């Protein structure tokens, strides 16, 4: 993923009841996963990537502050 090398999208799932997208991101080096749910109107690739980058950065910052590397 551009801007977050070493992270990948796993296949999206759609919640049929709410029409929301359940999205999982995975860090290639160790399999750490981050999950997010987005409304159905967020569907463009560039929008999804920008939101994913924010979530990944927050996860990495949290890891760094926690100091455990996991």
N, C-alpha and C. Protein backbone atom coordinates (compact mmCIF):
# COMPACT_ATOMS: atom_id res chain seq x y z
N UNK A 1 0.85 -1.17 0.00
CA UNK A 1 0.00 0.00 0.00
C UNK A 1 0.90 1.23 0.00
N UNK A 2 0.67 2.13 -0.93
CA UNK A 2 1.48 3.34 -1.03
C UNK A 2 1.34 4.17 0.23
N UNK A 3 2.47 4.53 0.83
CA UNK A 3 2.46 5.32 2.05
C UNK A 3 2.46 4.48 3.31
N UNK A 4 2.24 3.20 3.18
CA UNK A 4 2.25 2.28 4.33
C UNK A 4 2.81 0.95 3.85
N UNK A 5 4.05 0.99 3.42
CA UNK A 5 4.67 -0.23 2.91
C UNK A 5 4.66 -1.29 4.00
N UNK A 6 4.39 -2.51 3.58
CA UNK A 6 4.34 -3.61 4.53
C UNK A 6 2.95 -3.87 5.07
N UNK A 7 1.97 -3.12 4.63
CA UNK A 7 0.58 -3.33 5.03
C UNK A 7 -0.23 -3.67 3.79
N UNK A 8 -1.24 -4.51 3.98
CA UNK A 8 -2.10 -4.92 2.86
C UNK A 8 -3.56 -4.96 3.30
N UNK A 9 -4.45 -4.76 2.33
CA UNK A 9 -5.87 -4.98 2.56
C UNK A 9 -6.15 -6.47 2.43
N UNK A 10 -6.94 -7.01 3.34
CA UNK A 10 -7.48 -8.35 3.17
C UNK A 10 -8.82 -8.18 2.43
N UNK A 11 -9.40 -9.25 1.93
CA UNK A 11 -10.68 -9.11 1.22
C UNK A 11 -11.75 -8.42 2.09
N UNK A 12 -12.46 -7.49 1.48
CA UNK A 12 -13.51 -6.76 2.20
C UNK A 12 -14.70 -7.67 2.43
N UNK A 13 -15.42 -7.36 3.50
CA UNK A 13 -16.68 -8.03 3.77
C UNK A 13 -17.75 -6.95 3.84
N UNK A 14 -18.95 -7.30 3.46
CA UNK A 14 -20.05 -6.34 3.52
C UNK A 14 -21.08 -6.83 4.51
N UNK A 15 -21.45 -5.96 5.43
CA UNK A 15 -22.49 -6.28 6.38
C UNK A 15 -23.83 -6.05 5.68
N UNK A 16 -24.54 -7.11 5.41
CA UNK A 16 -25.80 -7.03 4.65
C UNK A 16 -26.88 -6.26 5.40
N UNK A 17 -26.83 -6.27 6.73
CA UNK A 17 -27.85 -5.57 7.52
C UNK A 17 -27.68 -4.06 7.46
N UNK A 18 -26.44 -3.59 7.46
CA UNK A 18 -26.17 -2.15 7.51
C UNK A 18 -25.59 -1.60 6.22
N UNK A 19 -25.17 -2.47 5.32
CA UNK A 19 -24.49 -2.12 4.06
C UNK A 19 -23.11 -1.50 4.31
N UNK A 20 -22.58 -1.63 5.52
CA UNK A 20 -21.25 -1.12 5.83
C UNK A 20 -20.18 -2.09 5.31
N UNK A 21 -18.99 -1.55 5.12
CA UNK A 21 -17.84 -2.35 4.71
C UNK A 21 -17.01 -2.70 5.95
N UNK A 22 -16.76 -3.96 6.17
CA UNK A 22 -15.84 -4.40 7.22
C UNK A 22 -14.51 -4.66 6.55
N UNK A 23 -13.50 -3.89 6.94
CA UNK A 23 -12.21 -3.92 6.26
C UNK A 23 -11.13 -4.30 7.26
N UNK A 24 -10.27 -5.22 6.86
CA UNK A 24 -9.15 -5.63 7.68
C UNK A 24 -7.86 -5.31 6.94
N UNK A 25 -6.93 -4.71 7.68
CA UNK A 25 -5.59 -4.41 7.18
C UNK A 25 -4.63 -5.33 7.90
N UNK A 26 -3.61 -5.80 7.20
CA UNK A 26 -2.67 -6.73 7.82
C UNK A 26 -1.24 -6.28 7.55
N UNK A 27 -0.43 -6.30 8.62
CA UNK A 27 0.99 -5.98 8.50
C UNK A 27 1.71 -7.25 8.08
N UNK A 28 2.38 -7.18 6.93
CA UNK A 28 2.99 -8.36 6.31
C UNK A 28 4.04 -9.03 7.18
N UNK A 29 4.84 -8.26 7.89
CA UNK A 29 5.97 -8.84 8.62
C UNK A 29 5.58 -9.76 9.76
N UNK A 30 4.43 -9.49 10.41
CA UNK A 30 4.08 -10.30 11.57
C UNK A 30 2.60 -10.67 11.65
N UNK A 31 1.82 -10.28 10.65
CA UNK A 31 0.41 -10.67 10.63
C UNK A 31 -0.50 -9.88 11.54
N UNK A 32 0.00 -8.79 12.15
CA UNK A 32 -0.85 -7.95 12.98
C UNK A 32 -1.98 -7.40 12.11
N UNK A 33 -3.20 -7.44 12.65
CA UNK A 33 -4.35 -6.98 11.89
C UNK A 33 -5.03 -5.81 12.59
N UNK A 34 -5.58 -4.93 11.77
CA UNK A 34 -6.37 -3.80 12.24
C UNK A 34 -7.69 -3.86 11.48
N UNK A 35 -8.78 -3.74 12.20
CA UNK A 35 -10.09 -3.80 11.56
C UNK A 35 -10.78 -2.45 11.65
N UNK A 36 -11.54 -2.13 10.62
CA UNK A 36 -12.32 -0.89 10.62
C UNK A 36 -13.61 -1.15 9.87
N UNK A 37 -14.63 -0.40 10.24
CA UNK A 37 -15.92 -0.48 9.57
C UNK A 37 -16.24 0.90 9.02
N UNK A 38 -16.59 0.93 7.73
CA UNK A 38 -16.88 2.19 7.06
C UNK A 38 -18.27 2.15 6.46
N UNK A 39 -18.92 3.31 6.39
CA UNK A 39 -20.25 3.35 5.78
C UNK A 39 -20.19 3.02 4.30
N UNK A 40 -21.30 2.61 3.76
CA UNK A 40 -21.35 2.17 2.37
C UNK A 40 -20.97 3.25 1.37
N UNK A 41 -21.18 4.53 1.72
CA UNK A 41 -20.86 5.60 0.78
C UNK A 41 -19.37 5.86 0.65
N UNK A 42 -18.55 5.27 1.52
CA UNK A 42 -17.10 5.35 1.38
C UNK A 42 -16.68 4.13 0.58
N UNK A 43 -16.57 4.30 -0.74
CA UNK A 43 -16.34 3.14 -1.59
C UNK A 43 -15.25 3.34 -2.63
N UNK A 44 -14.78 4.56 -2.82
CA UNK A 44 -13.75 4.82 -3.81
C UNK A 44 -12.39 4.38 -3.29
N UNK A 45 -11.59 3.83 -4.17
CA UNK A 45 -10.27 3.32 -3.77
C UNK A 45 -9.41 4.35 -3.09
N UNK A 46 -9.37 5.58 -3.60
CA UNK A 46 -8.52 6.61 -3.00
C UNK A 46 -9.02 7.00 -1.62
N UNK A 47 -10.34 7.02 -1.41
CA UNK A 47 -10.89 7.33 -0.09
C UNK A 47 -10.53 6.23 0.90
N UNK A 48 -10.70 4.99 0.49
CA UNK A 48 -10.39 3.86 1.36
C UNK A 48 -8.91 3.87 1.75
N UNK A 49 -8.06 4.15 0.78
CA UNK A 49 -6.62 4.16 1.05
C UNK A 49 -6.25 5.28 2.01
N UNK A 50 -6.83 6.46 1.86
CA UNK A 50 -6.52 7.57 2.76
C UNK A 50 -6.94 7.25 4.19
N UNK A 51 -8.13 6.69 4.34
CA UNK A 51 -8.61 6.32 5.68
C UNK A 51 -7.74 5.22 6.26
N UNK A 52 -7.39 4.23 5.45
CA UNK A 52 -6.52 3.14 5.91
C UNK A 52 -5.18 3.69 6.39
N UNK A 53 -4.61 4.66 5.67
CA UNK A 53 -3.33 5.25 6.08
C UNK A 53 -3.45 5.91 7.44
N UNK A 54 -4.54 6.61 7.69
CA UNK A 54 -4.74 7.24 9.00
C UNK A 54 -4.83 6.19 10.11
N UNK A 55 -5.56 5.11 9.84
CA UNK A 55 -5.71 4.05 10.83
C UNK A 55 -4.36 3.37 11.09
N UNK A 56 -3.59 3.10 10.04
CA UNK A 56 -2.28 2.47 10.20
C UNK A 56 -1.35 3.38 11.00
N UNK A 57 -1.32 4.66 10.67
CA UNK A 57 -0.46 5.60 11.41
C UNK A 57 -0.83 5.64 12.88
N UNK A 58 -2.13 5.66 13.17
CA UNK A 58 -2.57 5.65 14.57
C UNK A 58 -2.14 4.37 15.27
N UNK A 59 -2.25 3.25 14.58
CA UNK A 59 -1.83 1.95 15.16
C UNK A 59 -0.34 1.93 15.43
N UNK A 60 0.44 2.44 14.48
CA UNK A 60 1.90 2.47 14.66
C UNK A 60 2.29 3.41 15.81
N UNK A 61 1.63 4.56 15.89
CA UNK A 61 1.91 5.50 16.98
C UNK A 61 1.57 4.86 18.32
N UNK A 62 0.44 4.19 18.39
CA UNK A 62 0.03 3.51 19.61
C UNK A 62 1.07 2.47 20.02
N UNK A 63 1.55 1.70 19.02
CA UNK A 63 2.57 0.69 19.29
C UNK A 63 3.84 1.34 19.84
N UNK A 64 4.26 2.43 19.20
CA UNK A 64 5.47 3.12 19.64
C UNK A 64 5.33 3.68 21.05
N UNK A 65 4.17 4.26 21.36
CA UNK A 65 3.94 4.79 22.69
C UNK A 65 3.86 3.68 23.74
N UNK A 66 3.30 2.57 23.35
CA UNK A 66 3.18 1.42 24.25
C UNK A 66 4.56 0.80 24.48
N UNK A 67 5.42 0.88 23.45
CA UNK A 67 6.79 0.42 23.61
C UNK A 67 6.99 -1.08 23.58
N UNK A 68 6.04 -1.80 22.99
CA UNK A 68 6.20 -3.26 22.97
C UNK A 68 6.45 -3.80 21.58
N UNK A 69 6.28 -2.99 20.57
CA UNK A 69 6.56 -3.45 19.21
C UNK A 69 5.55 -4.42 18.65
N UNK A 70 4.40 -4.58 19.26
CA UNK A 70 3.44 -5.55 18.76
C UNK A 70 2.18 -4.99 18.30
